């Protein structure tokens, strides 16, 4: 089945998300010995959308904010700076133990010291995301979106956000949007909720046109048999990963594109980075290649962002994986969680292995 983009849509990409901030020690130091930190606004879904927004496509963010919060103002200014429209309700904080935007405290790692990320999400305002706060008929009917990108991170935040993602997928599908779903398994989100979340993830995957995971997401979120973690190296396991995707096609026949990122970690600053894309019975794969990593957080989101941008641009499918791979590699060269490409050439040069100076 060919992917058909809605031609009259106002937005190329719409992403529901829970916004927060990340604080990171300067100079690649560990958190516990650091006195100076840099702060950025972040979410996995806006990481994805940044590839399209920086390259000139219209993007909209659906989220929720803490009313009168300086952190909310910081986030809104950041989204505007990233060329993104946004909408969402203002939720009263409710006192010092009420709602807030989540904090990620991240040590990027260095060399043989691996990255460490502490997710401080108590009282996260994003857990209140509710379809009643959004006019879905206006957003997806009158305004329109070519692709709606959903993440398992948001679907698994709370029972309310799981229903929120389901209703968005249903509404977007009704109005002709393509649905992209990045499974994004997180063990801490799934504890005690496996049966509930498997049902939610299965329905969203059933509505999806583009389904994305990493080495274990398909297995842990959807129960699809695949390679065992910690087994043979990824390059030699490519056939097993392809078999996993073929197993997924039997359960989700309406999905047109399956994508799976592949990563081997040599050190915090050197990875082997590869991918598989299966599109309408055509295989496209990149055997893991060495990339240098400044900060790995957001590399997978960069891959997804590049894939969706290539689809939105309606390039030949063999170029999708190339641009996606290079977008992910680009993201790992930024200290932000998201890539900020100056132009398409910056990304294509990474694919071509051309790091020569441009004057």
Protein backbone atom coordinates (compact mmCIF):
# COMPACT_ATOMS: atom_id res chain seq x y z
CA UNK A 1 0.00 0.00 0.00
CA UNK A 2 1.42 3.35 -1.03
CA UNK A 3 1.56 6.14 1.53
CA UNK A 4 -0.84 8.88 0.47
CA UNK A 5 -0.27 12.28 2.01
CA UNK A 6 -3.23 14.58 2.54
CA UNK A 7 -2.68 17.48 0.12
CA UNK A 8 -4.83 20.11 1.84
CA UNK A 9 -3.32 19.70 5.33
CA UNK A 10 -2.05 22.82 7.07
CA UNK A 11 0.60 20.87 8.98
CA UNK A 12 3.11 18.38 7.67
CA UNK A 13 3.57 16.90 11.13
CA UNK A 14 1.59 16.98 14.37
CA UNK A 15 3.10 15.56 17.57
CA UNK A 16 1.32 15.04 20.90
CA UNK A 17 3.83 15.25 23.73
CA UNK A 18 4.66 16.03 27.35
CA UNK A 19 7.26 18.79 27.49
CA UNK A 20 9.97 19.02 30.13
CA UNK A 21 13.49 20.25 30.64
CA UNK A 22 16.82 18.47 30.69
CA UNK A 23 19.76 19.64 32.77
CA UNK A 24 23.22 18.38 31.85
CA UNK A 25 26.61 18.97 33.49
CA UNK A 26 29.02 21.00 31.39
CA UNK A 27 32.22 19.48 30.01
CA UNK A 28 30.84 15.91 29.96
CA UNK A 29 31.15 15.54 33.73
CA UNK A 30 29.10 13.18 35.95
CA UNK A 31 26.10 14.64 37.74
CA UNK A 32 27.26 13.89 41.28
CA UNK A 33 30.45 16.01 41.03
CA UNK A 34 29.08 18.90 38.94
CA UNK A 35 28.24 22.43 39.99
CA UNK A 36 27.39 23.89 36.58
CA UNK A 37 24.55 22.62 34.39
CA UNK A 38 22.98 23.60 31.06
CA UNK A 39 19.21 23.49 30.68
CA UNK A 40 17.18 22.80 27.55
CA UNK A 41 13.54 22.15 26.76
CA UNK A 42 12.96 18.60 25.62
CA UNK A 43 10.67 15.75 24.67
CA UNK A 44 11.25 12.75 22.45
CA UNK A 45 8.41 13.76 20.15
CA UNK A 46 9.62 17.31 19.55
CA UNK A 47 13.11 15.84 19.02
CA UNK A 48 11.55 13.96 16.09
CA UNK A 49 9.69 17.02 14.81
CA UNK A 50 12.80 19.23 14.85
CA UNK A 51 14.16 17.69 11.64
CA UNK A 52 11.06 18.82 9.76
CA UNK A 53 10.68 22.17 11.51
CA UNK A 54 14.31 23.23 10.96
CA UNK A 55 14.05 22.18 7.32
CA UNK A 56 11.02 24.36 6.73
CA UNK A 57 7.97 22.12 7.08
CA UNK A 58 5.04 23.26 9.26
CA UNK A 59 4.88 21.43 12.60
CA UNK A 60 2.37 21.57 15.44
CA UNK A 61 2.82 20.36 19.03
CA UNK A 62 -0.12 19.24 21.19
CA UNK A 63 0.80 19.40 24.86
CA UNK A 64 -0.16 20.83 28.23
CA UNK A 65 1.47 23.52 30.36
CA UNK A 66 1.66 24.50 34.02
CA UNK A 67 -0.12 27.84 34.36
CA UNK A 68 2.09 30.82 35.27
CA UNK A 69 5.18 28.62 35.42
CA UNK A 70 8.52 30.15 34.35
CA UNK A 71 9.51 26.70 33.09
CA UNK A 72 6.42 26.69 30.86
CA UNK A 73 7.45 30.09 29.49
CA UNK A 74 10.94 28.74 28.86
CA UNK A 75 9.47 25.77 26.95
CA UNK A 76 7.11 27.93 24.87
CA UNK A 77 9.97 30.23 23.87
CA UNK A 78 12.06 27.23 22.90
CA UNK A 79 9.30 25.76 20.71
CA UNK A 80 8.87 29.09 18.95
CA UNK A 81 12.62 29.23 18.40
CA UNK A 82 12.40 25.79 16.81
CA UNK A 83 9.73 27.06 14.36
CA UNK A 84 6.92 25.01 15.91
CA UNK A 85 3.31 25.97 16.56
CA UNK A 86 1.77 24.62 19.76
CA UNK A 87 -1.48 24.47 21.66
CA UNK A 88 -2.69 23.00 24.90
CA UNK A 89 -4.41 23.80 28.18
CA UNK A 90 -2.88 25.72 31.09
CA UNK A 91 -3.14 23.59 34.23
CA UNK A 92 -3.00 25.27 37.64
CA UNK A 93 0.00 24.10 39.63
CA UNK A 94 -2.03 23.44 42.73
CA UNK A 95 0.62 24.30 45.30
CA UNK A 96 4.24 23.20 45.80
CA UNK A 97 3.32 19.50 45.62
CA UNK A 98 1.15 19.94 42.54
CA UNK A 99 1.88 19.77 38.84
CA UNK A 100 5.16 20.59 37.13
CA UNK A 101 7.05 19.96 33.92
CA UNK A 102 9.25 16.87 34.18
CA UNK A 103 13.00 17.13 34.68
CA UNK A 104 15.60 14.89 33.06
CA UNK A 105 18.99 15.03 34.75
CA UNK A 106 21.51 13.58 32.34
CA UNK A 107 25.17 12.60 32.44
CA UNK A 108 26.20 12.26 28.78
CA UNK A 109 29.04 9.91 29.67
CA UNK A 110 32.52 9.95 28.21
CA UNK A 111 34.72 7.16 26.85
CA UNK A 112 34.19 4.04 28.91
CA UNK A 113 31.95 5.89 31.40
CA UNK A 114 28.47 5.30 30.09
CA UNK A 115 25.64 7.85 30.10
CA UNK A 116 23.24 7.95 33.03
CA UNK A 117 19.81 9.58 32.93
CA UNK A 118 17.58 10.26 35.92
CA UNK A 119 13.94 10.88 34.98
CA UNK A 120 12.33 13.03 37.66
CA UNK A 121 8.66 12.89 36.62
CA UNK A 122 6.71 13.16 39.88
CA UNK A 123 3.65 15.38 39.36
CA UNK A 124 4.27 15.58 35.60
CA UNK A 125 1.66 17.84 34.01
CA UNK A 126 1.77 15.74 30.83
CA UNK A 127 0.00 12.93 32.71
CA UNK A 128 -3.16 15.07 32.51
CA UNK A 129 -3.29 15.09 28.69
CA UNK A 130 -6.94 14.63 27.80
CA UNK A 131 -8.77 14.71 24.47
CA UNK A 132 -11.48 16.89 26.06
CA UNK A 133 -8.96 19.74 26.07
CA UNK A 134 -8.41 19.61 22.29
CA UNK A 135 -10.80 20.20 19.40
CA UNK A 136 -9.82 17.15 17.36
CA UNK A 137 -12.31 17.91 14.59
CA UNK A 138 -10.68 21.31 14.07
CA UNK A 139 -7.10 20.06 14.44
CA UNK A 140 -7.41 17.06 12.14
CA UNK A 141 -10.50 17.98 10.11
CA UNK A 142 -10.23 21.70 9.33
CA UNK A 143 -6.48 22.27 9.84
CA UNK A 144 -5.29 18.79 8.93
CA UNK A 145 -2.04 16.91 9.35
CA UNK A 146 -0.18 14.85 6.80
CA UNK A 147 1.45 12.70 9.49
CA UNK A 148 0.60 12.39 13.17
CA UNK A 149 3.54 11.03 15.13
CA UNK A 150 2.76 9.16 18.35
CA UNK A 151 5.21 7.82 20.90
CA UNK A 152 4.99 4.94 23.34
CA UNK A 153 6.47 7.26 25.95
CA UNK A 154 3.29 9.34 25.94
CA UNK A 155 0.94 6.37 25.54
CA UNK A 156 2.47 4.75 28.65
CA UNK A 157 2.62 7.79 30.95
CA UNK A 158 -0.79 7.20 32.53
CA UNK A 159 -4.15 5.58 31.74
CA UNK A 160 -5.36 9.05 30.68
CA UNK A 161 -2.52 9.57 28.20
CA UNK A 162 -2.99 6.09 26.78
CA UNK A 163 -6.59 6.95 25.97
CA UNK A 164 -5.45 10.38 24.71
CA UNK A 165 -3.12 8.75 22.17
CA UNK A 166 -5.79 6.27 21.11
CA UNK A 167 -8.36 9.00 20.49
CA UNK A 168 -5.86 11.07 18.54
CA UNK A 169 -4.99 8.09 16.36
CA UNK A 170 -8.67 7.37 15.70
CA UNK A 171 -9.50 10.99 14.88
CA UNK A 172 -6.44 11.54 12.70
CA UNK A 173 -7.17 8.33 10.80
CA UNK A 174 -10.76 9.42 10.21
CA UNK A 175 -9.56 12.63 8.55
CA UNK A 176 -6.93 11.03 6.34
CA UNK A 177 -3.70 11.58 8.28
CA UNK A 178 -0.98 8.99 8.23
CA UNK A 179 -0.14 7.58 11.67
CA UNK A 180 3.47 7.08 12.75
CA UNK A 181 4.04 5.17 16.00
CA UNK A 182 7.44 4.88 17.70
CA UNK A 183 7.05 2.14 20.30
CA UNK A 184 9.67 3.54 22.73
CA UNK A 185 9.47 0.87 25.44
CA UNK A 186 10.43 1.96 28.97
CA UNK A 187 10.44 -0.74 31.63
CA UNK A 188 9.73 1.68 34.48
CA UNK A 189 6.54 2.87 32.72
CA UNK A 190 5.28 -0.67 32.16
CA UNK A 191 5.70 -2.09 35.69
CA UNK A 192 2.37 -3.42 36.91
CA UNK A 193 0.58 -2.29 33.72
CA UNK A 194 1.65 -4.81 31.06
CA UNK A 195 -1.81 -6.15 30.19
CA UNK A 196 -3.33 -2.65 30.04
CA UNK A 197 -0.53 -1.20 27.90
CA UNK A 198 -0.29 -4.14 25.50
CA UNK A 199 -3.93 -3.53 24.60
CA UNK A 200 -3.35 0.20 24.04
CA UNK A 201 -0.18 -0.34 22.00
CA UNK A 202 -1.80 -3.07 19.91
CA UNK A 203 -4.69 -0.82 18.89
CA UNK A 204 -2.44 2.12 18.04
CA UNK A 205 -0.15 -0.17 16.03
CA UNK A 206 -3.23 -1.54 14.20
CA UNK A 207 -4.13 2.01 13.14
CA UNK A 208 -0.58 2.91 12.15
CA UNK A 209 0.89 3.35 8.70
CA UNK A 210 4.48 3.63 9.97
CA UNK A 211 5.70 1.50 12.89
CA UNK A 212 9.11 2.11 14.45
CA UNK A 213 11.18 0.42 17.13
CA UNK A 214 14.69 -0.47 18.20
CA UNK A 215 16.26 -3.85 18.88
CA UNK A 216 13.74 -4.85 21.59
CA UNK A 217 10.69 -2.58 21.23
CA UNK A 218 8.73 -4.87 18.91
CA UNK A 219 9.25 -7.76 21.30
CA UNK A 220 8.57 -5.97 24.59
CA UNK A 221 5.66 -3.75 23.45
CA UNK A 222 3.89 -6.03 21.00
CA UNK A 223 5.11 -9.52 21.96
CA UNK A 224 6.57 -10.18 18.51
CA UNK A 225 9.31 -12.81 18.46
CA UNK A 226 12.77 -11.51 17.55
CA UNK A 227 16.49 -11.71 18.37
CA UNK A 228 17.42 -12.12 22.01
CA UNK A 229 19.23 -9.21 23.64
CA UNK A 230 22.88 -9.83 24.39
CA UNK A 231 23.25 -12.52 21.75
CA UNK A 232 25.26 -12.31 18.55
CA UNK A 233 26.38 -8.92 17.25
CA UNK A 234 23.81 -6.86 15.40
CA UNK A 235 25.37 -7.20 11.95
CA UNK A 236 25.25 -10.99 12.10
CA UNK A 237 21.69 -10.84 13.48
CA UNK A 238 20.26 -8.82 10.58
CA UNK A 239 18.34 -11.80 9.22
CA UNK A 240 16.77 -12.35 12.65
CA UNK A 241 15.67 -8.72 12.78
CA UNK A 242 14.16 -9.05 9.32
CA UNK A 243 12.32 -12.15 10.50
CA UNK A 244 10.96 -10.17 13.45
CA UNK A 245 9.59 -7.51 11.09
CA UNK A 246 8.03 -10.18 8.86
CA UNK A 247 6.34 -11.58 11.97
CA UNK A 248 5.01 -8.08 12.66
CA UNK A 249 3.58 -7.74 9.14
CA UNK A 250 1.34 -10.74 9.78
CA UNK A 251 -0.17 -9.14 12.87
CA UNK A 252 -0.31 -5.59 11.47
CA UNK A 253 -1.10 -5.95 7.74
CA UNK A 254 -2.23 -2.31 7.43
CA UNK A 255 1.23 -0.97 8.29
CA UNK A 256 3.06 0.12 5.12
CA UNK A 257 6.45 0.94 6.66
CA UNK A 258 8.35 -0.83 9.42
CA UNK A 259 11.60 0.67 10.71
CA UNK A 260 14.09 -0.70 13.20
CA UNK A 261 17.23 1.07 14.39
CA UNK A 262 20.35 -0.96 15.23
CA UNK A 263 23.05 0.14 17.64
CA UNK A 264 26.18 -1.37 19.16
CA UNK A 265 27.97 0.67 21.81
CA UNK A 266 31.76 0.54 21.69
CA UNK A 267 32.13 3.46 24.09
CA UNK A 268 30.08 6.50 25.07
CA UNK A 269 31.65 8.34 22.13
CA UNK A 270 31.82 5.60 19.50
CA UNK A 271 28.87 3.56 18.29
CA UNK A 272 28.05 1.28 15.40
CA UNK A 273 24.83 2.68 13.93
CA UNK A 274 22.57 0.90 11.45
CA UNK A 275 18.93 0.41 10.50
CA UNK A 276 16.35 -1.64 8.63
CA UNK A 277 13.31 -0.30 6.78
CA UNK A 278 10.69 -2.59 5.26
CA UNK A 279 8.39 -0.77 2.85
CA UNK A 280 5.73 -2.57 0.81
CA UNK A 281 7.77 -5.79 0.61
CA UNK A 282 11.00 -3.90 -0.18
CA UNK A 283 13.96 -4.20 2.20
CA UNK A 284 16.35 -1.34 2.81
CA UNK A 285 19.12 -1.91 5.32
CA UNK A 286 22.28 -0.25 6.56
CA UNK A 287 24.85 -2.52 8.14
CA UNK A 288 26.00 -0.75 11.33
CA UNK A 289 28.68 1.85 10.57
CA UNK A 290 30.91 3.67 13.04
CA UNK A 291 29.77 7.10 14.19
CA UNK A 292 31.38 9.47 16.68
CA UNK A 293 29.05 10.54 19.48
CA UNK A 294 29.09 13.76 21.47
CA UNK A 295 25.79 12.96 23.23
CA UNK A 296 23.75 9.89 22.32
CA UNK A 297 20.42 11.09 23.71
CA UNK A 298 18.06 11.85 20.83
CA UNK A 299 19.86 9.83 18.17
CA UNK A 300 16.94 7.47 17.72
CA UNK A 301 14.53 10.39 17.58
CA UNK A 302 16.73 11.98 14.91
CA UNK A 303 16.43 8.79 12.87
CA UNK A 304 12.63 8.89 13.11
CA UNK A 305 12.58 12.59 12.27
CA UNK A 306 14.68 12.01 9.17
CA UNK A 307 12.50 9.09 8.08
CA UNK A 308 9.30 11.12 8.40
CA UNK A 309 10.83 14.11 6.63
CA UNK A 310 11.90 11.92 3.70
CA UNK A 311 8.39 10.46 3.49
CA UNK A 312 6.85 13.92 3.66
CA UNK A 313 9.10 15.05 0.84
CA UNK A 314 7.94 12.00 -1.18
CA UNK A 315 11.45 10.88 -2.05
CA UNK A 316 12.12 7.40 -3.47
CA UNK A 317 11.92 4.88 -0.63
CA UNK A 318 15.58 3.85 -0.92
CA UNK A 319 16.50 7.39 0.21
CA UNK A 320 14.34 7.25 3.33
CA UNK A 321 16.71 5.08 5.32
CA UNK A 322 19.78 7.00 4.17
CA UNK A 323 18.39 10.35 5.29
CA UNK A 324 17.04 8.84 8.51
CA UNK A 325 20.37 7.19 9.38
CA UNK A 326 22.25 10.43 8.75
CA UNK A 327 19.71 12.50 10.73
CA UNK A 328 20.20 10.21 13.71
CA UNK A 329 23.97 10.46 13.37
CA UNK A 330 23.67 14.25 13.15
CA UNK A 331 21.64 14.39 16.37
CA UNK A 332 24.46 12.68 18.29
CA UNK A 333 26.79 15.57 17.39
CA UNK A 334 24.59 18.12 19.22
CA UNK A 335 24.49 18.80 22.96
CA UNK A 336 20.74 19.28 22.64
CA UNK A 337 18.54 16.17 22.47
CA UNK A 338 17.52 17.18 18.96
CA UNK A 339 19.35 17.90 15.72
CA UNK A 340 19.20 21.42 14.30
CA UNK A 341 20.11 20.96 10.64
CA UNK A 342 21.02 24.09 8.70
CA UNK A 343 19.82 22.50 5.47
CA UNK A 344 19.37 19.12 3.80
CA UNK A 345 22.95 19.19 2.55
CA UNK A 346 24.26 19.03 6.12
CA UNK A 347 22.48 15.71 6.57
CA UNK A 348 23.31 14.27 3.14
CA UNK A 349 26.99 15.08 3.73
CA UNK A 350 26.92 12.82 6.78
CA UNK A 351 25.48 9.99 4.71
CA UNK A 352 28.17 10.51 2.09
CA UNK A 353 30.92 10.60 4.72
CA UNK A 354 31.98 14.07 3.66
CA UNK A 355 33.20 16.02 6.69
CA UNK A 356 35.32 18.47 4.74
CA UNK A 357 35.05 22.16 5.56
CA UNK A 358 32.35 24.06 3.67
CA UNK A 359 33.33 27.64 2.84
